[in-house]
N, C-alpha and C. Protein backbone atom coordinates (compact mmCIF):
# COMPACT_ATOMS: atom_id res chain seq x y z
N MET A 1 164.12 114.68 51.40
CA MET A 1 163.55 115.83 51.60
C MET A 1 161.89 115.18 51.47
N LEU A 2 161.30 114.49 50.84
CA LEU A 2 159.92 114.23 51.01
C LEU A 2 160.04 113.06 52.07
N LEU A 3 161.08 112.01 52.44
CA LEU A 3 161.05 111.27 53.32
C LEU A 3 160.95 111.98 54.51
N ASP A 4 161.59 112.93 54.95
CA ASP A 4 161.64 113.99 55.73
C ASP A 4 160.27 114.43 56.49
N TRP A 5 159.44 115.09 55.48
CA TRP A 5 157.84 115.32 55.72
C TRP A 5 157.13 114.23 56.00
N VAL A 6 157.48 112.84 55.17
CA VAL A 6 156.59 111.83 55.56
C VAL A 6 156.59 111.43 57.27
N THR A 7 158.06 111.40 57.71
CA THR A 7 158.45 111.01 58.76
C THR A 7 157.75 111.64 59.67
N VAL A 8 157.82 113.18 59.80
CA VAL A 8 157.53 114.17 60.63
C VAL A 8 156.12 113.97 60.71
N ILE A 9 155.14 113.90 59.77
CA ILE A 9 153.52 113.60 59.89
C ILE A 9 153.47 112.57 60.09
N VAL A 10 153.97 111.65 59.91
CA VAL A 10 153.42 110.16 60.63
C VAL A 10 153.83 110.16 61.93
N LEU A 11 154.82 110.69 62.25
CA LEU A 11 154.81 110.62 63.95
C LEU A 11 154.31 111.18 64.83
N ILE A 12 154.07 112.65 64.21
CA ILE A 12 152.87 113.61 64.81
C ILE A 12 151.62 113.01 65.17
N VAL A 13 150.97 112.56 63.73
CA VAL A 13 150.00 111.76 63.50
C VAL A 13 149.80 110.91 64.96
N ILE A 14 150.82 110.03 64.82
CA ILE A 14 150.43 108.77 65.65
C ILE A 14 150.72 109.11 67.10
N GLY A 15 151.74 110.28 67.36
CA GLY A 15 151.79 110.95 68.65
C GLY A 15 150.28 111.61 69.15
N LEU A 16 149.39 111.97 68.31
CA LEU A 16 148.22 112.69 68.79
C LEU A 16 147.24 111.94 68.88
N ILE A 17 147.50 110.90 67.99
CA ILE A 17 146.34 109.41 68.20
C ILE A 17 146.65 109.00 69.49
N LEU A 18 147.81 108.94 69.96
CA LEU A 18 148.19 108.02 71.28
C LEU A 18 147.93 108.91 72.42
N ILE A 19 147.73 110.11 72.54
CA ILE A 19 147.35 110.81 73.24
C ILE A 19 146.11 111.26 73.45
N ILE A 20 145.11 111.05 72.30
CA ILE A 20 143.71 111.33 72.60
C ILE A 20 143.02 109.82 72.69
N VAL A 21 143.84 108.63 72.56
CA VAL A 21 143.60 107.52 73.21
C VAL A 21 143.84 107.45 74.65
N GLU A 22 144.52 107.98 75.10
CA GLU A 22 144.94 108.30 76.71
C GLU A 22 144.22 108.83 77.28
N LEU A 23 143.32 109.98 76.74
CA LEU A 23 143.08 110.96 77.18
C LEU A 23 141.56 110.32 77.66
N ILE A 24 140.73 109.70 76.44
CA ILE A 24 139.80 109.18 76.62
C ILE A 24 139.35 107.79 77.13
N PHE A 25 140.22 106.60 76.84
CA PHE A 25 140.18 105.34 77.02
C PHE A 25 141.01 104.94 78.28
N ILE A 26 142.02 105.57 78.48
CA ILE A 26 143.10 104.98 79.75
C ILE A 26 143.11 106.05 80.84
N PRO A 27 142.53 106.05 81.78
CA PRO A 27 142.34 107.14 82.70
C PRO A 27 144.17 107.37 83.21
N GLY A 28 144.57 108.66 83.53
CA GLY A 28 145.74 108.54 84.09
C GLY A 28 146.81 108.39 83.54
N THR A 29 148.01 108.89 84.03
CA THR A 29 149.40 108.96 82.93
C THR A 29 149.67 107.55 82.67
N THR A 30 149.66 107.34 81.66
CA THR A 30 150.07 105.68 81.44
C THR A 30 151.10 105.86 80.31
N LEU A 31 152.03 104.63 79.96
CA LEU A 31 152.64 104.79 78.92
C LEU A 31 152.10 104.81 77.59
N ILE A 32 150.98 104.89 77.48
CA ILE A 32 150.37 105.17 76.17
C ILE A 32 150.48 106.56 75.77
N GLY A 33 150.03 107.67 76.82
CA GLY A 33 150.13 109.13 76.57
C GLY A 33 151.60 109.78 76.48
N ILE A 34 152.57 108.85 77.54
CA ILE A 34 154.10 109.20 77.63
C ILE A 34 154.42 109.03 76.14
N LEU A 35 154.50 107.74 75.66
CA LEU A 35 154.63 107.34 74.16
C LEU A 35 154.41 108.66 73.20
N GLY A 36 152.96 108.67 73.22
CA GLY A 36 152.43 109.79 72.01
C GLY A 36 152.97 111.44 72.26
N PHE A 37 153.48 111.50 73.49
CA PHE A 37 153.89 112.95 73.51
C PHE A 37 155.68 112.95 73.17
N VAL A 38 156.27 111.78 73.36
CA VAL A 38 157.66 111.61 72.68
C VAL A 38 157.47 111.47 70.90
N LEU A 39 156.39 110.42 70.87
CA LEU A 39 156.69 110.78 69.11
C LEU A 39 156.29 111.94 68.84
N ALA A 40 155.30 112.94 69.14
CA ALA A 40 155.06 114.10 68.85
C ALA A 40 156.34 115.15 68.75
N GLY A 41 157.00 114.79 70.28
CA GLY A 41 158.46 115.27 70.28
C GLY A 41 158.88 115.00 69.06
N ILE A 42 159.34 114.09 69.09
CA ILE A 42 160.32 113.36 68.06
C ILE A 42 160.25 114.11 66.64
N GLY A 43 158.75 113.68 66.31
CA GLY A 43 158.53 114.34 65.03
C GLY A 43 158.70 116.19 64.80
N ILE A 44 158.61 116.63 65.99
CA ILE A 44 158.88 118.32 65.99
C ILE A 44 160.26 118.68 65.63
N TRP A 45 160.94 117.81 66.56
CA TRP A 45 162.46 117.82 66.54
C TRP A 45 162.99 117.41 64.98
N ILE A 46 162.82 116.25 64.62
CA ILE A 46 162.97 116.44 63.35
C ILE A 46 162.55 117.09 62.45
N GLY A 47 162.03 117.53 62.23
CA GLY A 47 161.07 118.66 61.67
C GLY A 47 161.77 120.10 61.64
N TYR A 48 162.19 120.74 63.01
CA TYR A 48 163.66 121.23 63.05
C TYR A 48 164.90 121.14 62.61
N ASP A 49 165.02 119.66 63.13
CA ASP A 49 166.54 119.67 62.38
C ASP A 49 166.79 119.14 60.85
N ALA A 50 166.03 118.67 60.35
CA ALA A 50 166.08 118.22 58.97
C ALA A 50 165.43 119.00 58.24
N LEU A 51 164.84 120.15 58.36
CA LEU A 51 163.76 120.51 57.39
C LEU A 51 164.03 122.46 57.57
N GLY A 52 164.89 122.71 59.03
CA GLY A 52 165.23 124.31 58.96
C GLY A 52 164.17 124.45 60.27
N SER A 53 164.99 125.58 60.77
CA SER A 53 164.03 126.66 61.57
C SER A 53 162.96 126.89 61.48
N ASN A 54 162.78 127.97 60.34
CA ASN A 54 161.43 128.40 60.06
C ASN A 54 160.56 127.39 59.84
N THR A 55 160.62 126.26 59.34
CA THR A 55 159.62 124.90 58.79
C THR A 55 159.49 124.31 60.04
N GLY A 56 160.32 124.18 61.04
CA GLY A 56 159.73 123.48 62.74
C GLY A 56 159.21 124.37 63.25
N HIS A 57 159.31 125.50 63.24
CA HIS A 57 158.11 126.70 63.92
C HIS A 57 157.00 126.39 63.36
N LEU A 58 156.84 126.53 61.91
CA LEU A 58 155.70 126.18 61.64
C LEU A 58 154.93 124.63 61.60
N ILE A 59 155.72 123.85 61.70
CA ILE A 59 155.24 122.34 62.10
C ILE A 59 155.13 122.37 63.72
N LEU A 60 155.69 123.18 64.21
CA LEU A 60 155.13 123.02 65.79
C LEU A 60 153.78 123.80 66.00
N GLY A 61 153.70 125.09 64.98
CA GLY A 61 152.54 125.85 65.28
C GLY A 61 151.31 125.10 64.74
N VAL A 62 151.84 124.37 63.72
CA VAL A 62 150.59 123.77 63.03
C VAL A 62 150.12 122.40 63.98
N SER A 63 151.06 121.49 64.44
CA SER A 63 150.67 120.52 65.31
C SER A 63 150.37 121.08 66.75
N VAL A 64 150.21 122.26 66.92
CA VAL A 64 149.90 122.61 68.48
C VAL A 64 148.27 123.33 68.11
N LEU A 65 147.94 123.49 66.95
CA LEU A 65 146.65 124.17 66.45
C LEU A 65 145.93 123.14 66.06
N VAL A 66 146.24 121.99 65.52
CA VAL A 66 145.42 120.61 65.07
C VAL A 66 145.19 120.11 66.44
N ALA A 67 146.42 119.92 67.41
CA ALA A 67 145.96 119.37 68.06
C ALA A 67 144.83 120.04 69.37
N GLY A 68 145.09 121.42 69.32
CA GLY A 68 143.62 122.31 70.02
C GLY A 68 142.20 121.97 69.57
N ILE A 69 142.54 122.27 67.90
CA ILE A 69 141.08 122.08 67.49
C ILE A 69 140.76 120.64 67.80
N ALA A 70 141.40 119.66 67.54
CA ALA A 70 140.92 118.37 67.71
C ALA A 70 140.20 118.12 69.27
N PHE A 71 141.31 118.28 70.17
CA PHE A 71 140.38 118.39 71.46
C PHE A 71 139.43 119.07 71.59
N PHE A 72 139.26 120.16 71.09
CA PHE A 72 138.05 121.09 71.46
C PHE A 72 136.93 120.67 71.01
N TYR A 73 137.18 120.29 69.78
CA TYR A 73 136.17 119.55 68.63
C TYR A 73 135.76 118.29 69.24
N SER A 74 136.46 117.29 69.87
CA SER A 74 135.98 116.21 70.20
C SER A 74 135.31 116.06 71.49
N PHE A 75 135.52 117.21 72.28
CA PHE A 75 135.00 117.38 73.78
C PHE A 75 133.89 118.22 73.31
N ARG A 76 133.74 118.97 72.43
CA ARG A 76 132.91 120.04 72.43
C ARG A 76 131.46 119.49 71.71
N THR A 77 131.66 118.80 70.62
CA THR A 77 130.67 118.05 69.90
C THR A 77 130.15 116.79 70.86
N ASP A 78 130.73 116.16 72.08
CA ASP A 78 130.44 114.99 72.11
C ASP A 78 130.66 114.05 71.48
N ALA A 79 131.77 113.96 70.87
CA ALA A 79 131.94 113.23 69.92
C ALA A 79 132.32 111.57 70.43
N TRP A 80 132.87 111.79 71.84
CA TRP A 80 133.21 110.33 72.87
C TRP A 80 132.13 109.86 73.49
N SER A 81 131.09 110.36 73.49
CA SER A 81 129.92 109.91 74.08
C SER A 81 129.49 108.53 73.68
N ARG A 82 129.58 108.37 72.72
CA ARG A 82 129.28 107.10 72.14
C ARG A 82 130.11 105.51 73.00
N PHE A 83 131.22 106.07 73.31
CA PHE A 83 132.06 105.23 74.26
C PHE A 83 132.12 104.99 75.59
N ALA A 84 131.11 105.68 76.09
CA ALA A 84 131.00 106.14 77.68
C ALA A 84 130.08 105.07 77.77
N LEU A 85 130.15 104.84 79.28
CA LEU A 85 129.35 103.73 79.72
C LEU A 85 128.10 104.39 80.06
N LYS A 86 126.95 104.04 79.91
CA LYS A 86 125.81 105.02 80.15
C LYS A 86 124.40 104.12 80.97
N ASP A 87 124.92 102.87 81.15
CA ASP A 87 123.99 101.60 81.71
C ASP A 87 123.96 102.04 83.13
N GLN A 88 123.06 101.98 83.72
CA GLN A 88 122.99 101.91 85.25
C GLN A 88 122.58 100.88 85.76
N ILE A 89 123.05 100.16 87.00
CA ILE A 89 122.59 99.03 87.78
C ILE A 89 121.31 99.47 88.62
N THR A 90 120.08 98.94 88.52
CA THR A 90 119.24 99.55 89.28
C THR A 90 118.37 98.57 90.05
N SER A 91 118.84 97.34 89.76
CA SER A 91 117.96 96.24 90.51
C SER A 91 119.14 95.88 92.07
N ARG A 92 118.36 95.34 92.81
CA ARG A 92 118.67 95.13 94.48
C ARG A 92 119.12 93.64 94.49
N VAL A 93 119.59 93.62 95.56
CA VAL A 93 119.46 91.84 96.15
C VAL A 93 118.54 91.72 96.62
N ASN A 94 117.73 90.42 96.09
CA ASN A 94 116.78 89.78 96.55
C ASN A 94 115.43 90.52 96.15
N GLU A 95 115.67 91.50 95.31
CA GLU A 95 114.53 91.91 94.39
C GLU A 95 113.56 91.07 93.57
N ALA A 96 114.19 90.31 92.84
CA ALA A 96 113.43 89.66 92.11
C ALA A 96 112.68 87.99 92.85
N TYR A 97 113.00 88.14 93.96
CA TYR A 97 112.19 87.21 95.01
C TYR A 97 111.82 87.72 95.91
N PRO A 98 110.88 88.42 96.11
CA PRO A 98 110.35 88.73 97.60
C PRO A 98 110.41 87.74 98.19
N HIS A 99 110.88 88.18 99.58
CA HIS A 99 111.06 87.23 100.82
C HIS A 99 109.50 87.42 101.67
N ASN A 100 109.06 86.09 101.82
CA ASN A 100 107.69 86.37 103.12
C ASN A 100 108.37 86.09 104.53
N LEU A 101 109.38 86.43 104.60
CA LEU A 101 109.90 86.28 106.29
C LEU A 101 109.57 87.30 107.15
N ILE A 102 109.34 86.56 108.53
CA ILE A 102 109.36 87.57 109.67
C ILE A 102 110.35 87.24 110.42
N VAL A 103 110.34 88.57 111.37
CA VAL A 103 111.25 88.29 112.44
C VAL A 103 111.32 87.32 113.66
N GLY A 104 112.03 86.81 113.88
CA GLY A 104 112.23 85.47 114.77
C GLY A 104 111.96 84.13 113.91
N GLU A 105 112.35 84.16 112.27
CA GLU A 105 112.19 82.85 112.27
C GLU A 105 113.73 82.48 111.97
N THR A 106 113.66 80.87 111.79
CA THR A 106 115.16 80.40 112.19
C THR A 106 115.23 79.97 110.25
N GLY A 107 116.75 79.69 110.44
CA GLY A 107 117.42 79.13 109.27
C GLY A 107 118.94 78.69 109.46
N VAL A 108 119.78 78.21 108.51
CA VAL A 108 120.77 77.88 108.74
C VAL A 108 121.84 78.75 107.48
N THR A 109 122.88 78.90 107.89
CA THR A 109 124.04 79.51 106.93
C THR A 109 124.26 78.41 105.92
N VAL A 110 124.35 79.09 104.74
CA VAL A 110 125.02 78.03 103.47
C VAL A 110 126.49 78.66 103.55
N SER A 111 126.70 80.05 103.54
CA SER A 111 128.03 80.22 103.40
C SER A 111 128.46 80.73 104.47
N ALA A 112 129.75 81.03 104.72
CA ALA A 112 130.17 81.74 105.99
C ALA A 112 129.72 83.17 105.83
N LEU A 113 129.22 83.96 107.23
CA LEU A 113 128.51 85.06 107.05
C LEU A 113 129.99 85.96 107.27
N ARG A 114 130.44 87.01 106.50
CA ARG A 114 131.87 87.58 106.92
C ARG A 114 131.48 88.96 106.78
N PRO A 115 130.64 89.87 107.43
CA PRO A 115 129.72 89.40 108.15
C PRO A 115 128.23 89.38 107.21
N GLN A 116 128.47 89.31 105.77
CA GLN A 116 127.35 89.17 104.84
C GLN A 116 127.41 87.72 104.16
N GLY A 117 126.49 86.86 103.84
CA GLY A 117 126.56 85.47 102.88
C GLY A 117 125.34 85.12 102.55
N THR A 118 125.22 84.02 102.80
CA THR A 118 123.55 83.27 102.43
C THR A 118 123.33 82.47 103.14
N ALA A 119 122.06 82.59 103.65
CA ALA A 119 121.28 81.31 104.53
C ALA A 119 120.23 80.92 104.12
N LEU A 120 119.84 79.86 104.41
CA LEU A 120 118.45 78.80 103.80
C LEU A 120 117.47 79.24 104.64
N PHE A 121 116.01 79.97 104.17
CA PHE A 121 114.89 79.97 104.94
C PHE A 121 114.09 79.24 103.90
N HIS A 122 113.09 78.43 104.40
CA HIS A 122 112.19 77.60 103.72
C HIS A 122 112.62 77.26 102.52
N ASP A 123 113.59 76.58 102.41
CA ASP A 123 114.39 76.03 101.12
C ASP A 123 114.61 77.13 100.11
N ARG A 124 114.62 78.30 100.63
CA ARG A 124 115.18 79.26 99.85
C ARG A 124 116.32 79.94 100.32
N GLN A 125 117.37 80.22 99.69
CA GLN A 125 118.32 80.87 99.95
C GLN A 125 117.92 82.73 99.60
N HIS A 126 118.60 83.27 100.63
CA HIS A 126 118.41 84.59 100.74
C HIS A 126 120.00 85.14 100.96
N GLU A 127 120.36 86.50 100.92
CA GLU A 127 121.45 86.92 101.24
C GLU A 127 120.91 87.74 102.57
N VAL A 128 122.04 87.61 103.47
CA VAL A 128 121.88 87.79 104.76
C VAL A 128 122.98 88.34 105.38
N GLN A 129 122.71 89.10 106.48
CA GLN A 129 124.09 89.81 107.19
C GLN A 129 123.97 89.64 108.82
N THR A 130 125.29 89.74 109.48
CA THR A 130 124.89 90.07 111.07
C THR A 130 125.41 91.37 111.66
N LYS A 131 125.57 91.70 112.77
CA LYS A 131 125.75 92.76 113.16
C LYS A 131 127.35 93.36 113.28
N GLY A 132 128.04 92.18 112.50
CA GLY A 132 129.61 92.20 112.68
C GLY A 132 130.32 91.08 112.84
N GLU A 133 129.30 90.07 113.51
CA GLU A 133 129.84 88.72 113.41
C GLU A 133 130.15 87.79 112.41
N PHE A 134 131.39 86.74 112.85
CA PHE A 134 131.35 85.77 111.95
C PHE A 134 131.17 84.70 111.87
N LEU A 135 130.06 83.98 111.00
CA LEU A 135 129.52 82.53 111.62
C LEU A 135 129.96 81.79 110.11
N MET A 136 130.24 80.62 110.66
CA MET A 136 130.71 79.37 109.56
C MET A 136 129.02 78.98 108.98
N PRO A 137 129.45 77.91 108.30
CA PRO A 137 128.41 77.73 107.43
C PRO A 137 127.90 76.62 108.29
N ASN A 138 126.49 76.34 107.63
CA ASN A 138 125.69 75.26 108.39
C ASN A 138 125.38 75.67 109.96
N THR A 139 125.42 77.31 110.19
CA THR A 139 125.08 77.63 111.83
C THR A 139 123.64 78.11 111.70
N GLN A 140 123.14 77.60 112.91
CA GLN A 140 121.68 77.97 113.01
C GLN A 140 121.75 79.55 113.38
N VAL A 141 120.54 80.22 112.30
CA VAL A 141 120.67 81.85 112.64
C VAL A 141 119.24 82.35 112.83
N ARG A 142 118.75 83.22 113.45
CA ARG A 142 117.57 83.78 113.78
C ARG A 142 117.50 85.08 112.98
N ILE A 143 116.44 85.37 112.56
CA ILE A 143 116.11 86.82 112.03
C ILE A 143 115.72 87.76 113.13
N ILE A 144 116.75 88.73 113.19
CA ILE A 144 116.54 90.00 114.27
C ILE A 144 115.94 91.26 113.61
N SER A 145 115.92 91.28 112.38
CA SER A 145 115.42 92.52 111.52
C SER A 145 115.30 92.31 110.30
N LEU A 146 114.36 92.73 109.56
CA LEU A 146 114.08 92.98 108.17
C LEU A 146 113.87 94.58 107.65
N ASN A 147 114.64 94.75 107.04
CA ASN A 147 114.45 96.34 105.94
C ASN A 147 114.31 96.25 104.76
N HIS A 148 113.53 96.27 104.69
CA HIS A 148 112.92 96.15 102.37
C HIS A 148 113.90 94.63 102.52
N ASN A 149 114.97 94.72 101.46
CA ASN A 149 115.42 93.30 101.38
C ASN A 149 116.74 93.14 102.23
N LYS A 150 117.08 93.97 103.18
CA LYS A 150 117.93 93.59 104.28
C LYS A 150 117.88 92.99 105.28
N ILE A 151 118.22 91.87 105.31
CA ILE A 151 117.83 90.60 106.18
C ILE A 151 118.76 90.62 107.28
N THR A 152 118.83 91.21 108.50
CA THR A 152 119.82 90.75 109.37
C THR A 152 119.50 89.45 110.79
N VAL A 153 120.47 88.78 110.71
CA VAL A 153 120.48 87.75 111.41
C VAL A 153 121.66 87.63 112.44
N GLU A 154 121.01 86.79 113.59
CA GLU A 154 122.10 86.47 114.86
C GLU A 154 122.21 84.87 114.68
N GLU A 155 123.26 84.37 115.55
CA GLU A 155 123.40 82.84 115.77
C GLU A 155 122.03 82.77 116.80
N VAL A 156 121.74 81.52 116.70
CA VAL A 156 120.79 81.07 117.65
C VAL A 156 121.48 80.23 118.79
N SER A 157 121.84 80.43 120.07
CA SER A 157 122.36 80.21 121.09
C SER A 157 121.95 79.02 121.87
């Protein structure tokens, strides 16, 4: 009798923990959430089978009530916010090294431009892009437009 109660409680608690883990940490329907529902269901089924119908109803009601209170409390009090990613990336490409380039300057590509890549101007590498063309490494390029940190180049013919 005591072993039945321990089995039921352990299965339901592990099932609820797995469901919470799946809701908070693993987005989507995964094996963890399905396993949590299965374990909680098995715990409730064992409660009905081994402890009787009235006790099974009580176990089911308490399980639903505890799960509802736990979900409501955890989301209402923002208990999970410490696990959330709050950092933002605010930097931009080439922001740390402002360029002193002008339209018409020529350089050479360091990497393939597909259509973005790296080019060398005045012995400094810069992130550049083409208007959609693919350029191979070591290709002479000319700057055709500058818009803040966006450098657009074309192949020198």
